[in-house]
Amino acid sequence: MQLIQRLFREHPESVGESYLEHLFQASYFGVRMLAAGLACLLHAVLPCVFKTTGRTAISELHTKMVLHRAKHRD
């Protein structure tokens, strides 16, 4: 049982989330990063498209993560 606790609950609880909340948050971040990464690859080939998509995604995700963690600590 302690292994289950460590594998599935320790980290989510350390950031103030249940397992399911963490699953959805981490999935959102992953999908958002994949989409931004694809936009960056397209921008590499066609510099006229997605000029700020990567920067915007990084900024938004950073803000969301930092604000969430700060709220959890308070």
N, C-alpha and C. Protein backbone atom coordinates (compact mmCIF):
# COMPACT_ATOMS: atom_id res chain seq x y z
N MET A 1 0.82 -1.20 0.00
CA MET A 1 0.00 0.00 0.00
C MET A 1 0.86 1.26 0.00
N GLN A 2 1.99 1.24 0.69
CA GLN A 2 2.86 2.41 0.70
C GLN A 2 3.41 2.71 -0.69
N LEU A 3 3.66 1.67 -1.47
CA LEU A 3 4.14 1.88 -2.83
C LEU A 3 3.08 2.60 -3.66
N ILE A 4 1.83 2.19 -3.52
CA ILE A 4 0.72 2.85 -4.22
C ILE A 4 0.66 4.32 -3.81
N GLN A 5 0.75 4.56 -2.51
CA GLN A 5 0.72 5.93 -1.98
C GLN A 5 1.84 6.76 -2.62
N ARG A 6 3.03 6.21 -2.64
CA ARG A 6 4.18 6.95 -3.17
C ARG A 6 4.04 7.19 -4.67
N LEU A 7 3.60 6.19 -5.39
CA LEU A 7 3.53 6.30 -6.85
C LEU A 7 2.42 7.23 -7.33
N PHE A 8 1.26 7.17 -6.67
CA PHE A 8 0.10 7.86 -7.21
C PHE A 8 -0.38 9.07 -6.41
N ARG A 9 0.07 9.23 -5.18
CA ARG A 9 -0.51 10.30 -4.37
C ARG A 9 0.51 11.28 -3.81
N GLU A 10 1.73 10.84 -3.62
CA GLU A 10 2.71 11.69 -2.95
C GLU A 10 2.93 13.01 -3.67
N HIS A 11 3.27 12.96 -4.95
CA HIS A 11 3.52 14.20 -5.68
C HIS A 11 2.26 15.05 -5.85
N PRO A 12 1.14 14.50 -6.30
CA PRO A 12 -0.05 15.34 -6.42
C PRO A 12 -0.40 16.05 -5.11
N GLU A 13 -0.31 15.34 -4.00
CA GLU A 13 -0.62 15.95 -2.71
C GLU A 13 0.39 17.04 -2.36
N SER A 14 1.64 16.88 -2.80
CA SER A 14 2.66 17.88 -2.49
C SER A 14 2.41 19.21 -3.21
N VAL A 15 1.62 19.17 -4.27
CA VAL A 15 1.27 20.41 -4.99
C VAL A 15 -0.20 20.78 -4.78
N GLY A 16 -0.83 20.15 -3.79
CA GLY A 16 -2.19 20.52 -3.41
C GLY A 16 -3.28 20.01 -4.32
N GLU A 17 -3.06 18.86 -4.95
CA GLU A 17 -4.04 18.29 -5.87
C GLU A 17 -4.33 16.84 -5.50
N SER A 18 -5.53 16.40 -5.88
CA SER A 18 -5.82 14.97 -5.81
C SER A 18 -5.17 14.31 -7.02
N TYR A 19 -5.21 12.99 -7.05
CA TYR A 19 -4.65 12.29 -8.21
C TYR A 19 -5.34 12.72 -9.49
N LEU A 20 -6.68 12.77 -9.48
CA LEU A 20 -7.42 13.14 -10.70
C LEU A 20 -7.17 14.59 -11.10
N GLU A 21 -7.12 15.48 -10.13
CA GLU A 21 -6.82 16.88 -10.46
C GLU A 21 -5.45 16.98 -11.12
N HIS A 22 -4.49 16.26 -10.56
CA HIS A 22 -3.14 16.28 -11.13
C HIS A 22 -3.13 15.66 -12.52
N LEU A 23 -3.87 14.58 -12.70
CA LEU A 23 -3.97 13.94 -14.02
C LEU A 23 -4.45 14.93 -15.06
N PHE A 24 -5.51 15.66 -14.74
CA PHE A 24 -6.06 16.61 -15.70
C PHE A 24 -5.13 17.81 -15.92
N GLN A 25 -4.55 18.33 -14.85
CA GLN A 25 -3.63 19.46 -14.98
C GLN A 25 -2.40 19.07 -15.81
N ALA A 26 -1.79 17.94 -15.48
CA ALA A 26 -0.60 17.50 -16.20
C ALA A 26 -0.93 17.19 -17.65
N SER A 27 -2.09 16.61 -17.90
CA SER A 27 -2.50 16.32 -19.28
C SER A 27 -2.70 17.61 -20.06
N TYR A 28 -3.34 18.60 -19.43
CA TYR A 28 -3.53 19.90 -20.08
C TYR A 28 -2.18 20.51 -20.44
N PHE A 29 -1.24 20.50 -19.48
CA PHE A 29 0.08 21.06 -19.74
C PHE A 29 0.76 20.32 -20.89
N GLY A 30 0.67 19.00 -20.88
CA GLY A 30 1.31 18.20 -21.93
C GLY A 30 0.75 18.48 -23.31
N VAL A 31 -0.57 18.52 -23.41
CA VAL A 31 -1.21 18.80 -24.71
C VAL A 31 -0.87 20.21 -25.17
N ARG A 32 -0.90 21.16 -24.24
CA ARG A 32 -0.58 22.56 -24.58
C ARG A 32 0.86 22.68 -25.08
N MET A 33 1.78 21.96 -24.42
CA MET A 33 3.18 22.00 -24.85
C MET A 33 3.38 21.32 -26.20
N LEU A 34 2.68 20.22 -26.43
CA LEU A 34 2.77 19.56 -27.74
C LEU A 34 2.27 20.48 -28.85
N ALA A 35 1.14 21.13 -28.62
CA ALA A 35 0.59 22.05 -29.62
C ALA A 35 1.55 23.20 -29.87
N ALA A 36 2.11 23.77 -28.81
CA ALA A 36 3.05 24.87 -28.97
C ALA A 36 4.32 24.39 -29.67
N GLY A 37 4.76 23.18 -29.36
CA GLY A 37 5.93 22.62 -30.02
C GLY A 37 5.72 22.44 -31.51
N LEU A 38 4.55 21.95 -31.88
CA LEU A 38 4.24 21.81 -33.31
C LEU A 38 4.20 23.18 -33.99
N ALA A 39 3.62 24.16 -33.32
CA ALA A 39 3.59 25.51 -33.87
C ALA A 39 5.01 26.04 -34.06
N CYS A 40 5.90 25.76 -33.11
CA CYS A 40 7.29 26.20 -33.23
C CYS A 40 8.00 25.51 -34.41
N LEU A 41 7.71 24.23 -34.60
CA LEU A 41 8.30 23.53 -35.74
C LEU A 41 7.81 24.11 -37.06
N LEU A 42 6.52 24.41 -37.13
CA LEU A 42 5.99 25.05 -38.34
C LEU A 42 6.60 26.44 -38.52
N HIS A 43 6.79 27.16 -37.44
CA HIS A 43 7.41 28.48 -37.51
C HIS A 43 8.85 28.38 -38.03
N ALA A 44 9.54 27.30 -37.68
CA ALA A 44 10.91 27.11 -38.16
C ALA A 44 10.94 27.01 -39.68
N VAL A 45 9.93 26.36 -40.25
CA VAL A 45 9.86 26.18 -41.71
C VAL A 45 9.27 27.42 -42.38
N LEU A 46 8.22 27.97 -41.77
CA LEU A 46 7.53 29.14 -42.31
C LEU A 46 7.57 30.26 -41.26
N PRO A 47 8.62 31.06 -41.26
CA PRO A 47 8.78 32.08 -40.22
C PRO A 47 7.63 33.09 -40.12
N CYS A 48 6.79 33.15 -41.12
CA CYS A 48 5.69 34.11 -41.10
C CYS A 48 4.49 33.63 -40.29
N VAL A 49 4.51 32.37 -39.82
CA VAL A 49 3.38 31.85 -39.05
C VAL A 49 3.80 31.58 -37.60
N PHE A 50 2.84 31.64 -36.70
CA PHE A 50 3.04 31.32 -35.28
C PHE A 50 4.24 32.06 -34.68
N LYS A 51 4.31 33.35 -34.93
CA LYS A 51 5.46 34.15 -34.49
C LYS A 51 5.59 34.23 -32.97
N THR A 52 4.49 34.21 -32.25
CA THR A 52 4.57 34.35 -30.79
C THR A 52 3.94 33.18 -30.04
N THR A 53 3.54 32.15 -30.74
CA THR A 53 2.83 31.03 -30.11
C THR A 53 3.66 30.34 -29.03
N GLY A 54 4.91 30.04 -29.31
CA GLY A 54 5.76 29.37 -28.34
C GLY A 54 5.97 30.21 -27.09
N ARG A 55 6.31 31.46 -27.29
CA ARG A 55 6.55 32.37 -26.17
C ARG A 55 5.29 32.54 -25.33
N THR A 56 4.14 32.69 -26.00
CA THR A 56 2.88 32.86 -25.29
C THR A 56 2.53 31.62 -24.47
N ALA A 57 2.70 30.44 -25.06
CA ALA A 57 2.39 29.19 -24.36
C ALA A 57 3.27 29.03 -23.12
N ILE A 58 4.56 29.29 -23.28
CA ILE A 58 5.48 29.16 -22.15
C ILE A 58 5.10 30.13 -21.04
N SER A 59 4.82 31.35 -21.41
CA SER A 59 4.45 32.37 -20.42
C SER A 59 3.17 32.00 -19.68
N GLU A 60 2.15 31.57 -20.43
CA GLU A 60 0.87 31.20 -19.82
C GLU A 60 1.02 29.98 -18.90
N LEU A 61 1.74 28.98 -19.35
CA LEU A 61 1.91 27.77 -18.54
C LEU A 61 2.73 28.07 -17.28
N HIS A 62 3.76 28.88 -17.43
CA HIS A 62 4.57 29.26 -16.27
C HIS A 62 3.72 30.00 -15.25
N THR A 63 2.95 30.97 -15.71
CA THR A 63 2.09 31.74 -14.81
C THR A 63 1.10 30.83 -14.11
N LYS A 64 0.48 29.95 -14.88
CA LYS A 64 -0.52 29.04 -14.30
C LYS A 64 0.11 28.15 -13.23
N MET A 65 1.28 27.62 -13.51
CA MET A 65 1.93 26.73 -12.55
C MET A 65 2.40 27.49 -11.32
N VAL A 66 3.03 28.63 -11.51
CA VAL A 66 3.56 29.41 -10.39
C VAL A 66 2.42 29.92 -9.51
N LEU A 67 1.36 30.44 -10.12
CA LEU A 67 0.24 30.94 -9.33
C LEU A 67 -0.44 29.82 -8.56
N HIS A 68 -0.58 28.66 -9.20
CA HIS A 68 -1.21 27.52 -8.53
C HIS A 68 -0.38 27.08 -7.33
N ARG A 69 0.91 26.99 -7.51
CA ARG A 69 1.78 26.57 -6.41
C ARG A 69 1.79 27.60 -5.29
N ALA A 70 1.80 28.88 -5.65
CA ALA A 70 1.79 29.94 -4.64
C ALA A 70 0.49 29.90 -3.84
N LYS A 71 -0.62 29.65 -4.52
CA LYS A 71 -1.92 29.57 -3.84
C LYS A 71 -1.94 28.38 -2.88
N HIS A 72 -1.32 27.27 -3.29
CA HIS A 72 -1.27 26.07 -2.46
C HIS A 72 -0.45 26.32 -1.19
N ARG A 73 0.61 27.09 -1.31
CA ARG A 73 1.49 27.34 -0.16
C ARG A 73 0.84 28.25 0.87
N ASP A 74 -0.07 29.12 0.43
CA ASP A 74 -0.70 30.08 1.36
C ASP A 74 -1.70 29.43 2.27
